[in-house]
Protein backbone atom coordinates (compact mmCIF):
# COMPACT_ATOMS: atom_id res chain seq x y z
CA MET A 1 0.01 -0.03 0.01
CA GLU A 2 1.70 3.13 -1.32
CA SER A 3 0.25 5.47 1.27
CA TRP A 4 1.63 3.43 4.19
CA HIS A 5 5.14 2.44 3.23
CA THR A 6 6.69 5.30 1.14
CA VAL A 7 7.57 7.61 4.02
CA ARG A 8 9.68 4.93 5.75
CA ARG A 9 10.66 2.43 3.05
CA THR A 10 10.98 4.30 -0.32
CA ARG A 11 11.51 7.91 0.47
CA GLN A 12 13.19 8.54 -2.85
CA ILE A 13 9.87 8.31 -4.65
CA LEU A 14 8.15 10.97 -2.62
CA THR A 15 9.13 13.76 -5.01
CA PHE A 16 7.00 12.19 -7.80
CA THR A 17 4.47 9.96 -6.05
CA GLY A 18 1.16 11.15 -4.62
CA ASP A 19 1.41 8.37 -2.03
CA ALA A 20 -1.19 9.77 0.49
CA ASN A 21 -3.51 10.61 -2.43
CA SER A 22 -3.89 6.86 -3.35
CA GLN A 23 -7.40 5.63 -3.90
CA TYR A 24 -8.52 2.15 -2.90
CA ASP A 25 -11.64 0.49 -4.32
CA THR A 26 -13.35 -2.92 -3.95
CA PHE A 27 -15.57 -4.56 -6.50
CA GLY A 28 -17.30 -7.44 -4.78
CA ASP A 29 -15.55 -9.90 -2.56
CA ASN A 30 -12.61 -10.78 -4.85
CA VAL A 31 -11.45 -7.76 -6.76
CA SER A 32 -9.80 -4.52 -5.49
CA ARG A 33 -7.91 -1.67 -7.09
CA SER A 34 -5.35 0.72 -5.91
CA ALA A 35 -4.57 3.91 -7.92
CA THR A 36 -1.55 6.09 -6.97
CA PRO A 37 -1.05 9.29 -8.86
CA MET A 38 2.40 9.79 -10.40
CA GLY A 39 3.98 13.03 -11.61
CA VAL A 40 2.87 14.87 -8.46
CA ALA A 41 4.83 15.28 -5.21
CA SER A 42 3.78 13.56 -2.07
CA PRO A 43 1.68 15.71 0.35
CA HIS A 44 4.31 14.83 2.92
CA LEU A 45 6.72 17.16 1.12
CA SER A 46 6.47 20.86 0.45
CA GLU A 47 7.74 23.08 -2.36
CA VAL A 48 8.87 20.47 -4.87
CA SER A 49 9.34 22.14 -8.29
CA GLU A 50 7.77 20.70 -11.41
CA GLU A 51 11.19 20.25 -12.88
CA THR A 52 12.37 18.19 -9.90
CA ILE A 53 9.20 16.02 -10.06
CA THR A 54 9.86 15.48 -13.81
CA ARG A 55 13.61 14.70 -13.44
CA ASP A 56 13.03 12.38 -10.44
CA ILE A 57 10.13 10.42 -12.02
CA LEU A 58 12.14 9.77 -15.14
CA LYS A 59 15.34 8.77 -13.37
CA LEU A 60 13.93 6.84 -10.41
CA SER A 61 10.47 5.36 -11.06
CA GLY A 62 11.30 2.60 -13.48
CA ARG A 63 7.73 2.87 -14.76
CA MET A 64 8.01 5.61 -17.40
CA ALA A 65 8.85 5.34 -21.09
CA THR A 66 12.46 6.32 -20.41
CA ASP A 67 14.79 6.18 -17.47
CA SER A 68 16.77 9.32 -18.24
CA ASP A 69 16.16 13.04 -17.60
CA ALA A 70 18.55 14.05 -20.35
CA ASN A 71 17.11 16.63 -22.74
CA VAL A 72 14.30 17.53 -20.33
CA ASP A 73 13.20 21.02 -21.27
CA MET A 74 10.18 21.95 -19.19
CA PRO A 75 7.95 24.41 -20.98
CA THR A 76 6.90 27.32 -18.75
CA GLY A 77 3.54 26.72 -17.22
CA GLN A 78 3.42 23.01 -17.92
CA SER A 79 3.10 20.56 -15.01
CA ALA A 80 5.33 17.53 -14.55
CA ARG A 81 2.25 15.39 -14.87
CA GLU A 82 1.38 16.93 -18.33
CA TYR A 83 5.01 16.73 -19.51
CA VAL A 84 5.44 13.06 -18.56
CA ALA A 85 2.06 12.02 -19.91
CA LYS A 86 2.86 13.63 -23.28
CA MET A 87 6.31 12.05 -23.44
CA ASN A 88 5.03 8.62 -22.38
CA ARG A 89 2.20 8.81 -24.93
CA GLU A 90 4.60 9.57 -27.74
CA MET A 91 7.04 6.74 -26.81
CA PHE A 92 4.30 4.15 -25.99
CA GLU A 93 2.58 4.84 -29.34
CA GLU A 94 5.87 4.44 -31.23
CA ALA A 95 6.57 1.17 -29.47
CA ALA A 96 3.02 -0.14 -30.16
CA GLY A 97 3.03 1.07 -33.76
CA GLU A 98 -0.36 2.77 -33.29
CA GLN A 99 -2.13 5.78 -32.12
CA PHE A 100 -4.06 5.50 -28.82
CA ASP A 101 -7.63 6.81 -28.65
CA ASP A 102 -7.86 9.45 -25.94
CA PRO A 103 -5.68 7.87 -23.23
CA THR A 104 -5.93 9.57 -19.85
CA MET A 105 -2.96 10.89 -17.89
CA ALA A 106 -3.70 8.12 -15.30
CA GLU A 107 -3.48 5.36 -18.02
CA LEU A 108 -0.20 6.82 -19.25
CA GLN A 109 1.66 7.13 -15.88
CA ASP A 110 -0.16 6.26 -12.68
CA ALA A 111 0.40 3.15 -10.63
CA ILE A 112 -2.94 1.31 -10.97
CA LEU A 113 -3.03 -2.21 -9.63
CA TYR A 114 -5.93 -4.64 -9.76
CA SER A 115 -5.83 -7.51 -7.26
CA LEU A 116 -7.92 -10.63 -7.87
CA PHE A 117 -8.23 -12.81 -4.77
CA PRO A 118 -6.69 -15.17 -3.96
CA ASN A 119 -3.51 -14.99 -6.17
CA LEU A 120 -3.29 -12.54 -9.04
CA GLN A 121 -2.30 -8.86 -9.36
CA VAL A 122 -2.23 -6.88 -12.65
CA TRP A 123 -0.78 -3.48 -13.22
CA ILE A 124 -2.62 -1.67 -15.98
CA GLY A 125 -1.90 1.22 -18.31
CA TYR A 126 -0.34 1.87 -21.74
CA GLY A 127 3.24 1.11 -20.67
CA GLY A 128 4.67 -2.31 -19.79
CA ASN A 129 2.14 -4.21 -17.72
CA ILE A 130 3.44 -6.31 -14.82
CA VAL A 131 1.49 -9.36 -13.61
CA TYR A 132 2.12 -11.05 -10.27
CA LYS A 133 0.88 -14.59 -9.65
CA PHE A 134 1.17 -16.35 -6.35
CA LEU A 135 0.85 -20.10 -6.20
CA PRO A 136 1.12 -22.70 -3.39
CA ASN A 137 4.49 -24.37 -3.06
CA GLY A 138 3.24 -27.91 -2.66
CA ASN A 139 2.19 -28.37 1.04
CA ASP A 140 4.69 -25.89 2.50
CA PRO A 141 2.64 -23.26 4.40
CA ASP A 142 5.70 -21.01 4.79
CA SER A 143 6.50 -20.47 1.14
CA CYS A 144 4.91 -19.94 -2.24
CA ILE A 145 5.80 -19.77 -5.85
CA PHE A 146 5.79 -16.10 -7.01
CA GLU A 147 5.69 -15.46 -10.77
CA VAL A 148 6.32 -12.07 -12.35
CA MET A 149 5.44 -11.44 -16.01
CA ILE A 150 6.06 -8.30 -17.95
CA LEU A 151 3.65 -7.76 -20.85
CA LEU A 152 4.63 -5.30 -23.55
CA ARG A 153 2.86 -4.12 -26.72
CA HIS A 154 4.36 -4.64 -30.14
CA PRO A 155 3.14 -3.35 -33.55
CA GLU A 156 0.31 -5.18 -35.07
CA GLY A 157 1.41 -7.42 -37.91
CA THR A 158 4.90 -7.90 -36.43
CA GLU A 159 6.14 -11.13 -34.81
CA ARG A 160 5.73 -11.29 -31.10
CA PRO A 161 9.12 -10.86 -29.45
CA ALA A 162 10.59 -14.01 -27.87
CA ALA A 163 10.04 -14.47 -24.17
CA GLY A 164 12.76 -13.35 -21.79
CA PRO A 165 14.82 -15.81 -19.82
CA LEU A 166 13.34 -17.36 -16.71
CA HIS A 167 15.06 -16.38 -13.51
CA GLY A 168 14.56 -18.67 -10.49
CA ALA A 169 15.31 -17.61 -6.93
CA THR A 170 15.30 -19.36 -3.61
CA ARG A 171 15.01 -17.84 -0.22
CA GLY A 172 18.07 -15.63 0.37
CA ARG A 173 19.08 -15.48 -3.24
CA ALA A 174 16.06 -13.50 -4.59
CA LEU A 175 17.41 -9.95 -4.39
CA ARG A 176 20.86 -10.92 -5.73
CA ILE A 177 19.21 -12.64 -8.63
CA LEU A 178 16.93 -9.69 -9.35
CA ARG A 179 19.88 -7.16 -9.25
CA GLY A 180 22.05 -9.42 -11.43
CA ALA A 181 19.30 -9.61 -14.06
CA GLY A 182 18.77 -5.81 -14.00
CA LEU A 183 15.24 -6.25 -12.52
CA SER A 184 15.50 -4.28 -9.33
CA GLY A 185 14.65 -0.64 -8.98
CA PRO A 186 16.02 1.98 -6.59
CA GLY A 187 13.91 0.59 -3.71
CA LEU A 188 15.75 -2.76 -3.70
């Protein structure tokens, strides 16, 4: 839950994550959604400039269309949220080989997670979508099998890219494997 852990565990994202502005919804007994605005500073901070928000979200979030703040030229009067949404739209459309019909700023940059009880979570939006699946590990009540899948768009009519390599981890080795595979962000 973004609004509860960022202040203590991932302070580096506070300049571009509206953690305390997260919204949580439930849809029946088995589906929930969390939506955390990106491209805005946390209410826990004061006086964060739009340029700082922009530079930090690009360099640190790992969820935008680029991971570099090189060539950032903030137009006067434009918010970081508007700037990043426009940039993401252009890059995501190019990668998908198509124009998107009226995407919202939320779909282009926010952290929107659907959880389907008991064992599936799907991040949605126009960027790369991450899917988490939790499965029982035989009869071991102290462990589980945790699968992470990253789903990317590719231009219609082109061959689907080959699947990436499978990375297995055991207790104690997980973070080392993630870092070695280039799969960990600044919070790990």
